[in-house]
Structures are given as C-alpha cells and as structure tokens.
Amino acid sequence: MSKRGRRKFTWSDVKATQKGSHLTSYVNKPLEDLLVYLLGNLSVLSADHITMIVNALAFIVAYLIAAGRLSYALPLMLLVCILDGVDGKIARLLGKPTRIGKLEHSLDFLYEQAWYAAITWLVFKTTGSYLHLGLAWLITDAYVRHVYNLGWIAVGRPIKHWGTIGRAITTVDGRRNIYVWYTIASHAAGKLHTAVILSLAHAAATAIAYTALTLRKLKHTAPNAPSRQKPGGEGSSAASQSASSRLQSPAAPTSNTTPGP
C-alpha cells in the first residue's frame, strides 16, 4: 500500500501494542508510545532499524561504563531501555515480521550481560572488591533467563500467563530495566557497589521464584513423564519427539515476543 493510501495509526492502535506487564514497563510507556506513534505514521524507520540502533548504542554504553564515564553512560542506558520497547511495538503495529527480530533477544542478552560485566568491572576497579558478587549476578541472571525460556517452551506459554502467581512474579521480577534504576540510584548516592548487591539479591529472588513455579508447573503439565530417563534408554525416542514438537510449536518464543524476563 502506498504511503498516501495507508491509514493513519491512532493512539488506540499504539496502546494495543503494549505487551509488557512489568512495573518498569509503565515507566517507559509514555515515551515508547510517542515514538511508536510518530515512527509508525511517518514510516521513517522500521523495527529492524530500531533494533540495529539499540544494539549499537548498547555496546557503546558498555564501553562507557567500563571506562568510568557514567555521566554519558547512564542517560544512554535509559535511552536504550526505551528504544528496546519501540521496535517490537512498531512490528506489531505495522503487522510486519522482522528479520533481525529473530535474533533480538539473543542480542539483548549479549549487551545486557556486557552492561553487568562492565558495572562489575568498574566497581572492582574503584573499590578493589565485590568482584565475586558481580560474577554471581551475571551467572544468576543467565540462569533466570534459561529457566524462563525452559518453562515457556515446555508449557507453551510464558510464566506471566501462568495464573495469578505467575503474573505477580513477572510484575516485580529482576530484569534489565530494574537493574538500570539500581545503577542510577546507587551512582547518585555515590555508592555504585550497592547496584551490584541489590541486583544480585533481586536476581537471586527471581531465580528461586521461577524455579519453584516452573517445577510446580512441569509437575502438573506432565505427571507421567519419566523423571530419570537415561540418554538412549527406553522411551528416549518418544521423549525426544515430544521435546522436538514443543520446540516447533507456534506457542514457543518467536521474534518480537519476550522469551526472557
């Protein structure tokens, strides 16, 4: 459809693209919606363009943090958090699948871990301590993402759709946006190491909650599944086929969804 013949998107159209339910989603929402409204109607940038801009800025942020230039890094971190919610909304608004979107969540994981590593390095460089806590933060966050995706693939829908408890947990769980605010507040207080401590504590609480909820859900989802099947043993073929069918299911994480917390 030509630009002249295409209908103009309304605020209602933009609001319908909101997917996130985390408390920080609503902090960024006004600016996200404004950008989506403008970009969606002007057709200046596609969702893929936004994704490329986000990742370019994100790795610049990682460098600035490691270099100790937080006065530049922190505003850019907030900008990245806002833009990261824009690309998916534009894709949903336009109804167009994205090419880079298929890798978006892997790229998100990469730059977010780079941020946490850079913060850990800066804290260690300036205090000579907290390195072990920073490493624990990275490891715990990686586990949180893995168990979230495991539950989504096995059950067919993400934790936030696992009833009242699932919605409650994913509204306050540990993730990038909340860690960014910990970093900003800790820097403002002159105690950047506090960001590492708070982020690790939040990630650990999230890991415990996700693990308990996933074990409970898997128990009720597949009560007759063999619990200790040896590789290549009896029933392994059926188990492999079952896992394969779940991985190929349309309910599994796809581009422009959120397969990680």
Protein backbone atom coordinates (compact mmCIF):
# COMPACT_ATOMS: atom_id res chain seq x y z
CA MET A 1 0.00 0.00 0.00
CA SER A 2 1.33 3.46 -0.86
CA LYS A 3 2.05 5.99 1.83
CA ARG A 4 -0.86 8.09 0.54
CA GLY A 5 -3.31 5.18 0.69
CA ARG A 6 -2.23 3.80 4.04
CA ARG A 7 -4.41 4.63 7.02
CA LYS A 8 -3.10 6.75 9.86
CA PHE A 9 -2.48 4.92 13.12
CA THR A 10 -4.30 6.22 16.18
CA TRP A 11 -3.35 6.28 19.86
CA SER A 12 -5.67 3.32 20.37
CA ASP A 13 -3.66 1.35 17.80
CA VAL A 14 -0.45 2.24 19.60
CA LYS A 15 -1.82 1.34 23.04
CA ALA A 16 -2.88 -2.06 21.72
CA THR A 17 0.78 -2.91 21.07
CA GLN A 18 1.63 -2.84 24.78
CA LYS A 19 2.78 -6.30 25.83
CA GLY A 20 4.89 -5.93 28.95
CA SER A 21 3.33 -6.08 32.41
CA HIS A 22 6.44 -5.40 34.50
CA LEU A 23 6.26 -2.36 36.74
CA THR A 24 9.10 -0.71 34.80
CA SER A 25 7.18 -1.17 31.53
CA TYR A 26 4.85 1.61 32.58
CA VAL A 27 7.71 3.97 33.41
CA ASN A 28 8.92 3.88 29.81
CA LYS A 29 5.48 3.53 28.23
CA PRO A 30 4.66 7.24 27.58
CA LEU A 31 7.88 7.87 25.64
CA GLU A 32 7.69 4.49 23.90
CA ASP A 33 4.14 5.16 22.74
CA LEU A 34 5.03 8.63 21.48
CA LEU A 35 7.94 7.29 19.43
CA VAL A 36 5.84 4.41 18.09
CA TYR A 37 3.06 6.82 17.09
CA LEU A 38 5.47 9.13 15.27
CA LEU A 39 7.61 6.45 13.62
CA GLY A 40 4.62 4.29 12.72
CA ASN A 41 2.88 7.14 10.91
CA LEU A 42 5.97 8.69 9.35
CA SER A 43 7.44 5.36 8.19
CA VAL A 44 10.92 6.78 8.74
CA LEU A 45 12.43 3.75 10.47
CA SER A 46 11.43 0.10 10.52
CA ALA A 47 11.56 -2.22 13.53
CA ASP A 48 14.82 -3.67 12.18
CA HIS A 49 16.37 -0.20 12.01
CA ILE A 50 15.43 0.45 15.63
CA THR A 51 16.91 -2.89 16.70
CA MET A 52 20.21 -2.04 14.99
CA ILE A 53 20.30 1.40 16.63
CA VAL A 54 19.55 -0.11 20.05
CA ASN A 55 22.38 -2.62 19.82
CA ALA A 56 24.89 -0.08 18.52
CA LEU A 57 24.08 2.27 21.40
CA ALA A 58 24.06 -0.57 23.92
CA PHE A 59 27.63 -1.63 23.23
CA ILE A 60 28.76 1.99 23.33
CA VAL A 61 27.15 2.13 26.78
CA ALA A 62 29.09 -0.95 27.88
CA TYR A 63 32.35 0.71 26.85
CA LEU A 64 31.46 3.97 28.60
CA ILE A 65 30.61 2.15 31.83
CA ALA A 66 33.85 0.16 31.80
CA ALA A 67 35.73 3.41 31.15
CA GLY A 68 34.04 5.03 34.14
CA ARG A 69 32.18 7.65 32.10
CA LEU A 70 28.85 7.20 33.83
CA SER A 71 27.65 10.73 33.14
CA TYR A 72 27.42 9.71 29.48
CA ALA A 73 26.56 6.05 30.00
CA LEU A 74 23.54 6.38 32.29
CA PRO A 75 21.41 8.64 30.04
CA LEU A 76 22.20 6.35 27.12
CA MET A 77 21.18 3.33 29.19
CA LEU A 78 17.76 4.88 29.71
CA LEU A 79 17.50 5.68 26.00
CA VAL A 80 18.33 2.07 25.11
CA CYS A 81 15.70 0.78 27.55
CA ILE A 82 13.07 2.98 25.89
CA LEU A 83 14.07 2.19 22.30
CA ASP A 84 14.22 -1.53 23.09
CA GLY A 85 10.47 -1.43 23.67
CA VAL A 86 9.83 0.51 20.47
CA ASP A 87 10.98 -1.98 17.84
CA GLY A 88 8.59 -4.74 18.90
CA LYS A 89 5.69 -2.30 19.16
CA ILE A 90 6.36 -0.98 15.66
CA ALA A 91 6.49 -4.51 14.28
CA ARG A 92 3.15 -5.31 15.92
CA LEU A 93 1.64 -2.00 14.81
CA LEU A 94 2.63 -2.49 11.17
CA GLY A 95 1.97 -6.22 11.24
CA LYS A 96 5.32 -6.85 9.58
CA PRO A 97 7.69 -9.64 10.66
CA THR A 98 11.27 -8.56 11.24
CA ARG A 99 14.46 -10.25 10.14
CA ILE A 100 16.70 -9.07 12.95
CA GLY A 101 13.85 -9.63 15.41
CA LYS A 102 14.59 -13.33 15.30
CA LEU A 103 17.96 -12.57 16.90
CA GLU A 104 16.82 -9.63 19.00
CA HIS A 105 16.55 -11.48 22.29
CA SER A 106 19.94 -13.12 21.88
CA LEU A 107 21.44 -9.71 21.14
CA ASP A 108 19.62 -8.27 24.15
CA PHE A 109 21.14 -10.96 26.35
CA LEU A 110 24.59 -10.23 24.94
CA TYR A 111 24.60 -6.50 25.57
CA GLU A 112 22.85 -6.76 28.92
CA GLN A 113 25.49 -9.17 30.16
CA ALA A 114 28.09 -6.75 28.81
CA TRP A 115 26.49 -4.00 30.90
CA TYR A 116 26.51 -6.08 34.07
CA ALA A 117 30.11 -7.13 33.45
CA ALA A 118 31.11 -3.50 32.85
CA ILE A 119 29.40 -2.36 36.06
CA THR A 120 31.10 -5.17 37.97
CA TRP A 121 34.47 -4.26 36.49
CA LEU A 122 34.06 -0.57 37.32
CA VAL A 123 33.06 -1.35 40.91
CA PHE A 124 36.01 -3.72 41.29
CA LYS A 125 38.39 -1.19 39.73
CA THR A 126 37.28 1.59 42.07
CA THR A 127 36.84 -0.42 45.29
CA GLY A 128 39.04 -3.49 44.85
CA SER A 129 36.11 -5.63 45.97
CA TYR A 130 32.67 -7.02 45.05
CA LEU A 131 34.01 -8.94 42.04
CA HIS A 132 32.59 -12.22 43.35
CA LEU A 133 29.17 -10.64 43.82
CA GLY A 134 29.24 -9.23 40.31
CA LEU A 135 30.11 -12.61 38.83
CA ALA A 136 27.33 -14.21 40.87
CA TRP A 137 24.94 -11.59 39.46
CA LEU A 138 25.85 -12.47 35.86
CA ILE A 139 25.53 -16.20 36.48
CA THR A 140 22.22 -15.87 38.31
CA ASP A 141 20.75 -13.61 35.63
CA ALA A 142 21.74 -16.11 32.93
CA TYR A 143 20.03 -18.89 34.89
CA VAL A 144 16.88 -16.79 35.29
CA ARG A 145 16.62 -16.35 31.52
CA HIS A 146 17.23 -20.04 30.89
CA VAL A 147 14.60 -21.31 33.31
CA TYR A 148 12.09 -18.74 31.98
CA ASN A 149 12.61 -19.98 28.43
CA LEU A 150 12.51 -23.61 29.57
CA GLY A 151 9.12 -23.07 31.15
CA TRP A 152 7.80 -21.25 28.09
CA ILE A 153 8.89 -23.98 25.66
CA ALA A 154 7.76 -26.87 27.87
CA VAL A 155 4.38 -25.43 28.84
CA GLY A 156 3.64 -23.46 25.68
CA ARG A 157 3.18 -20.05 27.27
CA PRO A 158 5.35 -17.71 29.38
CA ILE A 159 5.32 -17.51 33.16
CA LYS A 160 3.30 -14.29 33.13
CA HIS A 161 0.37 -16.33 31.77
CA TRP A 162 0.59 -18.99 34.49
CA GLY A 163 -2.22 -17.60 36.57
CA THR A 164 -2.24 -15.04 39.37
CA ILE A 165 1.08 -16.11 40.89
CA GLY A 166 2.84 -16.01 37.53
CA ARG A 167 1.51 -12.53 36.80
CA ALA A 168 2.51 -11.29 40.24
CA ILE A 169 6.06 -12.64 39.99
CA THR A 170 6.70 -11.27 36.49
CA THR A 171 5.41 -7.86 37.54
CA VAL A 172 8.24 -7.39 40.06
CA ASP A 173 10.94 -9.84 38.92
CA GLY A 174 14.57 -8.93 38.35
CA ARG A 175 15.47 -7.78 34.86
CA ARG A 176 17.47 -5.17 32.96
CA ASN A 177 15.25 -2.13 33.47
CA ILE A 178 15.15 -2.55 37.24
CA TYR A 179 18.93 -3.12 37.36
CA VAL A 180 19.43 0.10 35.41
CA TRP A 181 17.47 2.04 38.02
CA TYR A 182 19.51 0.40 40.79
CA THR A 183 22.63 1.58 38.98
CA ILE A 184 21.37 5.13 38.54
CA ALA A 185 20.25 5.42 42.17
CA SER A 186 23.48 3.90 43.50
CA HIS A 187 25.62 6.21 41.37
CA ALA A 188 23.60 9.22 42.56
CA ALA A 189 24.23 8.12 46.16
CA GLY A 190 27.95 7.76 45.47
CA LYS A 191 27.88 4.03 46.21
CA LEU A 192 27.89 2.22 42.89
CA HIS A 193 28.66 -1.11 44.56
CA THR A 194 25.16 -1.03 46.02
CA ALA A 195 23.82 -1.60 42.49
CA VAL A 196 25.68 -4.92 42.33
CA ILE A 197 24.37 -6.02 45.72
CA LEU A 198 20.75 -5.04 45.01
CA SER A 199 20.80 -6.52 41.51
CA LEU A 200 22.22 -9.82 42.75
CA ALA A 201 19.64 -10.02 45.53
CA HIS A 202 16.80 -9.31 43.11
CA ALA A 203 18.13 -11.80 40.55
CA ALA A 204 18.51 -14.48 43.24
CA ALA A 205 14.95 -13.94 44.48
CA THR A 206 13.71 -14.16 40.90
CA ALA A 207 15.68 -17.36 40.29
CA ILE A 208 14.15 -19.00 43.36
CA ALA A 209 10.63 -17.92 42.41
CA TYR A 210 11.00 -19.01 38.77
CA THR A 211 12.46 -22.37 39.75
CA ALA A 212 9.72 -23.15 42.27
CA LEU A 213 6.96 -22.07 39.90
CA THR A 214 8.43 -23.94 36.93
CA LEU A 215 8.89 -27.18 38.87
CA ARG A 216 5.33 -26.95 40.09
CA LYS A 217 4.01 -26.24 36.60
CA LEU A 218 6.01 -29.00 34.94
CA LYS A 219 4.82 -31.47 37.56
CA HIS A 220 1.19 -30.74 36.73
CA THR A 221 1.81 -30.47 32.98
CA ALA A 222 3.50 -33.86 32.53
CA PRO A 223 2.79 -36.01 35.62
CA ASN A 224 3.53 -39.28 33.79
CA ALA A 225 6.80 -38.22 32.17
CA PRO A 226 9.86 -40.35 33.16
CA SER A 227 11.84 -38.41 35.75
CA ARG A 228 15.25 -40.04 35.35
CA GLN A 229 15.47 -41.23 31.75
CA LYS A 230 19.00 -42.17 30.69
CA PRO A 231 20.18 -40.95 27.27
CA GLY A 232 19.42 -43.64 24.68
CA GLY A 233 17.36 -45.65 27.15
CA GLU A 234 13.82 -46.93 26.79
CA GLY A 235 11.43 -44.11 26.00
CA SER A 236 14.17 -41.68 24.98
CA SER A 237 12.93 -41.55 21.40
CA ALA A 238 9.43 -40.59 22.48
CA ALA A 239 10.82 -38.01 24.87
CA SER A 240 12.95 -36.53 22.08
CA GLN A 241 9.96 -36.37 19.74
CA SER A 242 7.90 -34.71 22.46
CA ALA A 243 10.61 -32.12 23.13
CA SER A 244 11.00 -31.54 19.40
CA SER A 245 7.28 -30.95 18.94
CA ARG A 246 7.31 -28.42 21.78
CA LEU A 247 10.26 -26.59 20.27
CA GLN A 248 8.46 -26.40 16.92
CA SER A 249 5.17 -25.34 18.48
CA PRO A 250 3.89 -21.90 17.45
CA ALA A 251 3.41 -21.17 21.15
CA ALA A 252 7.16 -21.26 21.69
CA PRO A 253 9.08 -17.95 21.84
CA THR A 254 9.27 -16.18 18.49
CA SER A 255 10.56 -12.86 17.25
CA ASN A 256 9.07 -9.72 18.76
CA THR A 257 7.93 -11.61 21.81
CA THR A 258 9.69 -11.65 25.12
CA PRO A 259 11.27 -15.05 25.76
CA GLY A 260 13.30 -13.66 28.60
CA PRO A 261 12.37 -11.71 31.68
